[in-house]
Amino acid sequence: MSVAIENFVKAIYKNDHHETHNTKPGNIAKKLGISNAAATDMAKKLATKDLLNYEKYQALQLTEKGKKMALNVIRKHRLWEALLHKMFDMSLHEIHREAELLEHETSNFLANKISDYLGNPKFDPHGDPIPNEAGEITTIDTSIALSHSKENKNYTISRLMSDDKEFFDFCSQNGLKYGNSIFVVKQFATTKMTQLLINNKTILLNEDFTKIIYVNEF
């Protein structure tokens, strides 16, 4: 399959599993940086290949064949992120950028070799689950968005759901890293901001950040 097709089904899958997005062609077009017309044309084309279900003005839904393709691409992407992070200590943005290129050029054979080398990891450095060879995510996600966390409680950062360089730079500078512990001091309902304590430093985050940082209580 072409890079464009793989990116399209991957975008649908990821949007479908993110509470702030939906899978209508216009949203997929925005995510991929293409026109609405191009997204609609691609959706119709992939419907004939049994990769998705298309109905005018409706959200796009992947078929089982489409989900398998998306998870295969995502597996390769996240394995490359894990390998690049381990070998070169590259930033979260850098590993994402390079994995976007490498995922399309990677055979299933090489993906399995990378997984074996890394000890078959369950998560990438962002905290995203890595599908297994069968295209299954075997981990159970109990995390919640930081925006839904409760005051006066300790949490562990479990996932950073973004591909934005400035977001990752900010997180790196402030210790907001997968696996790190934080303490939620206060939730401001009116302004939708969250005050937290990390590494003895107080940080105030707006909802743009707290909706894409996921945590687990401990």
Protein backbone atom coordinates (compact mmCIF):
# COMPACT_ATOMS: atom_id res chain seq x y z
CA MET A 1 0.00 0.00 0.00
CA SER A 2 1.10 3.58 -0.59
CA VAL A 3 2.30 5.95 2.13
CA ALA A 4 -0.80 8.10 1.59
CA ILE A 5 -3.13 5.16 2.23
CA GLU A 6 -1.23 4.03 5.31
CA ASN A 7 -1.27 7.55 6.74
CA PHE A 8 -4.99 7.89 6.03
CA VAL A 9 -6.05 4.72 7.85
CA LYS A 10 -3.64 5.52 10.69
CA ALA A 11 -5.17 8.99 11.09
CA ILE A 12 -8.68 7.52 11.26
CA TYR A 13 -7.63 4.97 13.87
CA LYS A 14 -5.86 7.54 16.05
CA ASN A 15 -8.70 10.06 15.84
CA ASP A 16 -11.20 7.34 16.67
CA HIS A 17 -9.27 6.60 19.87
CA HIS A 18 -8.88 10.20 21.03
CA GLU A 19 -11.70 11.88 22.93
CA THR A 20 -11.11 15.32 21.39
CA HIS A 21 -11.38 14.27 17.75
CA ASN A 22 -13.77 12.53 15.40
CA THR A 23 -13.30 10.76 12.10
CA LYS A 24 -15.33 12.84 9.67
CA PRO A 25 -13.38 13.46 6.43
CA GLY A 26 -12.88 17.15 7.27
CA ASN A 27 -11.09 16.29 10.53
CA ILE A 28 -8.93 13.69 8.84
CA ALA A 29 -8.09 16.25 6.14
CA LYS A 30 -7.02 18.75 8.81
CA LYS A 31 -4.86 16.17 10.58
CA LEU A 32 -3.09 15.20 7.35
CA GLY A 33 -2.84 18.71 5.90
CA ILE A 34 -4.88 17.93 2.80
CA SER A 35 -8.07 19.40 1.33
CA ASN A 36 -11.52 18.18 2.33
CA ALA A 37 -12.11 17.11 -1.27
CA ALA A 38 -8.93 15.04 -1.28
CA ALA A 39 -9.94 13.35 1.98
CA THR A 40 -13.38 12.53 0.61
CA ASP A 41 -11.89 11.12 -2.59
CA MET A 42 -9.46 8.98 -0.60
CA ALA A 43 -12.26 7.72 1.67
CA LYS A 44 -14.32 6.64 -1.33
CA LYS A 45 -11.29 4.91 -2.84
CA LEU A 46 -10.49 3.02 0.36
CA ALA A 47 -14.12 1.98 0.77
CA THR A 48 -13.80 0.06 -2.51
CA LYS A 49 -10.75 -1.72 -1.05
CA ASP A 50 -12.74 -2.75 2.04
CA LEU A 51 -10.50 -0.65 4.31
CA LEU A 52 -13.27 1.61 5.63
CA ASN A 53 -16.98 2.30 5.52
CA TYR A 54 -17.96 5.55 3.83
CA GLU A 55 -21.28 7.38 3.99
CA LYS A 56 -21.72 10.97 2.91
CA TYR A 57 -21.48 13.46 5.81
CA GLN A 58 -20.80 10.64 8.30
CA ALA A 59 -17.74 9.76 10.37
CA LEU A 60 -15.39 7.26 8.74
CA GLN A 61 -15.14 3.82 10.30
CA LEU A 62 -12.36 1.37 9.55
CA THR A 63 -13.19 -2.19 8.66
CA GLU A 64 -11.32 -5.03 10.37
CA LYS A 65 -8.95 -5.05 7.40
CA GLY A 66 -8.41 -1.29 7.81
CA LYS A 67 -7.81 -1.59 11.56
CA LYS A 68 -5.24 -4.32 10.97
CA MET A 69 -3.39 -2.10 8.51
CA ALA A 70 -3.48 0.90 10.85
CA LEU A 71 -2.22 -1.09 13.82
CA ASN A 72 0.58 -2.59 11.73
CA VAL A 73 1.80 0.89 10.77
CA ILE A 74 1.41 2.13 14.35
CA ARG A 75 3.39 -0.87 15.65
CA LYS A 76 6.32 -0.05 13.37
CA HIS A 77 6.15 3.65 14.25
CA ARG A 78 6.21 3.06 17.99
CA LEU A 79 8.92 0.42 17.81
CA TRP A 80 11.14 2.84 15.91
CA GLU A 81 10.44 5.52 18.52
CA ALA A 82 11.47 3.13 21.28
CA LEU A 83 14.64 2.10 19.44
CA LEU A 84 15.71 5.65 18.54
CA HIS A 85 15.08 6.84 22.08
CA LYS A 86 17.10 3.97 23.54
CA MET A 87 20.03 4.14 21.13
CA PHE A 88 20.44 7.87 20.58
CA ASP A 89 18.53 9.50 23.45
CA MET A 90 16.70 11.64 20.91
CA SER A 91 13.91 13.97 22.03
CA LEU A 92 10.27 12.91 21.90
CA HIS A 93 9.65 15.17 18.93
CA GLU A 94 12.74 13.91 17.09
CA ILE A 95 11.84 10.24 17.48
CA HIS A 96 8.30 10.95 16.29
CA ARG A 97 9.52 12.84 13.23
CA GLU A 98 11.95 10.10 12.19
CA ALA A 99 9.50 7.28 12.91
CA GLU A 100 6.96 8.94 10.60
CA LEU A 101 9.42 8.28 7.76
CA LEU A 102 10.73 4.89 8.84
CA GLU A 103 7.37 3.25 9.54
CA HIS A 104 6.54 3.02 5.83
CA GLU A 105 9.86 1.46 4.85
CA THR A 106 9.89 -1.25 7.50
CA SER A 107 9.07 -4.89 6.79
CA ASN A 108 7.23 -7.04 9.31
CA PHE A 109 10.44 -9.07 9.60
CA LEU A 110 12.47 -6.02 10.67
CA ALA A 111 9.73 -4.82 13.03
CA ASN A 112 9.84 -8.16 14.81
CA LYS A 113 13.64 -8.00 15.03
CA ILE A 114 13.43 -4.51 16.58
CA SER A 115 10.82 -5.71 19.05
CA ASP A 116 12.94 -8.70 20.05
CA TYR A 117 16.02 -6.49 20.49
CA LEU A 118 14.07 -4.15 22.77
CA GLY A 119 12.60 -6.98 24.83
CA ASN A 120 9.14 -6.73 23.25
CA PRO A 121 8.13 -3.47 24.97
CA LYS A 122 4.47 -2.77 25.71
CA PHE A 123 4.81 1.03 25.48
CA ASP A 124 6.81 3.59 23.50
CA PRO A 125 8.59 6.58 25.13
CA HIS A 126 5.40 8.67 24.90
CA GLY A 127 3.50 6.06 26.87
CA ASP A 128 1.53 4.90 23.82
CA PRO A 129 0.84 1.14 23.69
CA ILE A 130 2.73 -0.88 21.10
CA PRO A 131 0.58 -3.44 19.23
CA ASN A 132 1.97 -6.96 19.12
CA GLU A 133 2.83 -8.93 15.98
CA ALA A 134 -0.80 -9.96 15.59
CA GLY A 135 -1.93 -6.34 15.59
CA GLU A 136 -3.37 -6.49 19.10
CA ILE A 137 -2.98 -4.06 21.98
CA THR A 138 -2.78 -6.33 25.02
CA THR A 139 -2.45 -3.68 27.72
CA ILE A 140 -5.43 -2.28 29.62
CA ASP A 141 -5.57 1.51 29.64
CA THR A 142 -6.75 2.85 33.01
CA SER A 143 -5.34 6.33 32.54
CA ILE A 144 -7.35 9.56 32.55
CA ALA A 145 -6.69 12.98 31.09
CA LEU A 146 -4.99 15.32 33.55
CA SER A 147 -7.98 17.64 33.10
CA HIS A 148 -10.11 14.97 34.83
CA SER A 149 -7.74 14.40 37.74
CA LYS A 150 -8.68 15.24 41.33
CA GLU A 151 -7.13 17.77 43.68
CA ASN A 152 -4.71 16.72 46.43
CA LYS A 153 -3.82 13.43 44.76
CA ASN A 154 -0.63 11.88 43.42
CA TYR A 155 -0.45 10.63 39.85
CA THR A 156 2.04 9.07 37.45
CA ILE A 157 2.31 10.44 33.91
CA SER A 158 1.25 7.59 31.63
CA ARG A 159 0.93 9.17 28.20
CA LEU A 160 1.79 12.33 26.25
CA MET A 161 -0.66 12.41 23.34
CA SER A 162 0.81 14.92 20.91
CA ASP A 163 3.24 15.30 18.03
CA ASP A 164 3.89 19.01 18.56
CA LYS A 165 7.52 20.09 19.08
CA GLU A 166 6.71 23.01 21.39
CA PHE A 167 4.59 20.74 23.58
CA PHE A 168 7.41 18.21 23.93
CA ASP A 169 9.98 20.94 24.55
CA PHE A 170 7.82 22.36 27.33
CA CYS A 171 7.30 18.92 28.85
CA SER A 172 11.03 18.18 28.75
CA GLN A 173 11.92 21.48 30.38
CA ASN A 174 9.42 20.95 33.19
CA GLY A 175 9.86 17.26 33.98
CA LEU A 176 6.56 16.22 32.41
CA LYS A 177 7.86 12.86 31.27
CA TYR A 178 6.36 9.39 30.88
CA GLY A 179 6.67 7.60 34.23
CA ASN A 180 7.29 10.72 36.33
CA SER A 181 5.21 11.50 39.41
CA ILE A 182 3.13 14.64 39.92
CA PHE A 183 0.85 16.01 42.62
CA VAL A 184 -2.34 17.80 41.56
CA VAL A 185 -2.74 20.84 43.79
CA LYS A 186 -5.87 22.47 42.40
CA GLN A 187 -8.36 22.31 39.54
CA PHE A 188 -9.73 25.69 38.44
CA ALA A 189 -13.20 24.96 37.09
CA THR A 190 -13.89 28.41 35.60
CA THR A 191 -10.61 28.86 33.72
CA LYS A 192 -10.14 25.09 33.15
CA MET A 193 -6.59 25.20 34.44
CA THR A 194 -4.71 22.70 36.57
CA GLN A 195 -2.07 23.52 39.17
CA LEU A 196 0.39 20.74 39.86
CA LEU A 197 3.61 20.12 41.72
CA ILE A 198 6.50 18.27 40.09
CA ASN A 199 10.10 18.06 41.26
CA ASN A 200 9.30 20.66 43.96
CA LYS A 201 8.18 23.11 41.29
CA THR A 202 4.65 24.44 40.83
CA ILE A 203 3.25 24.53 37.28
CA LEU A 204 -0.05 25.90 36.01
CA LEU A 205 -1.37 24.24 32.83
CA ASN A 206 -4.32 25.18 30.64
CA GLU A 207 -6.76 22.72 29.11
CA ASP A 208 -4.83 22.54 25.83
CA PHE A 209 -2.16 20.67 27.80
CA THR A 210 -4.23 18.83 30.40
CA LYS A 211 -6.41 17.15 27.76
CA ILE A 212 -3.40 15.50 26.09
CA ILE A 213 -1.42 14.56 29.20
CA TYR A 214 -2.72 11.30 30.66
CA VAL A 215 -2.09 10.04 34.18
CA ASN A 216 -2.71 7.12 36.50
CA GLU A 217 -3.47 7.55 40.20
CA PHE A 218 -1.23 5.88 42.73
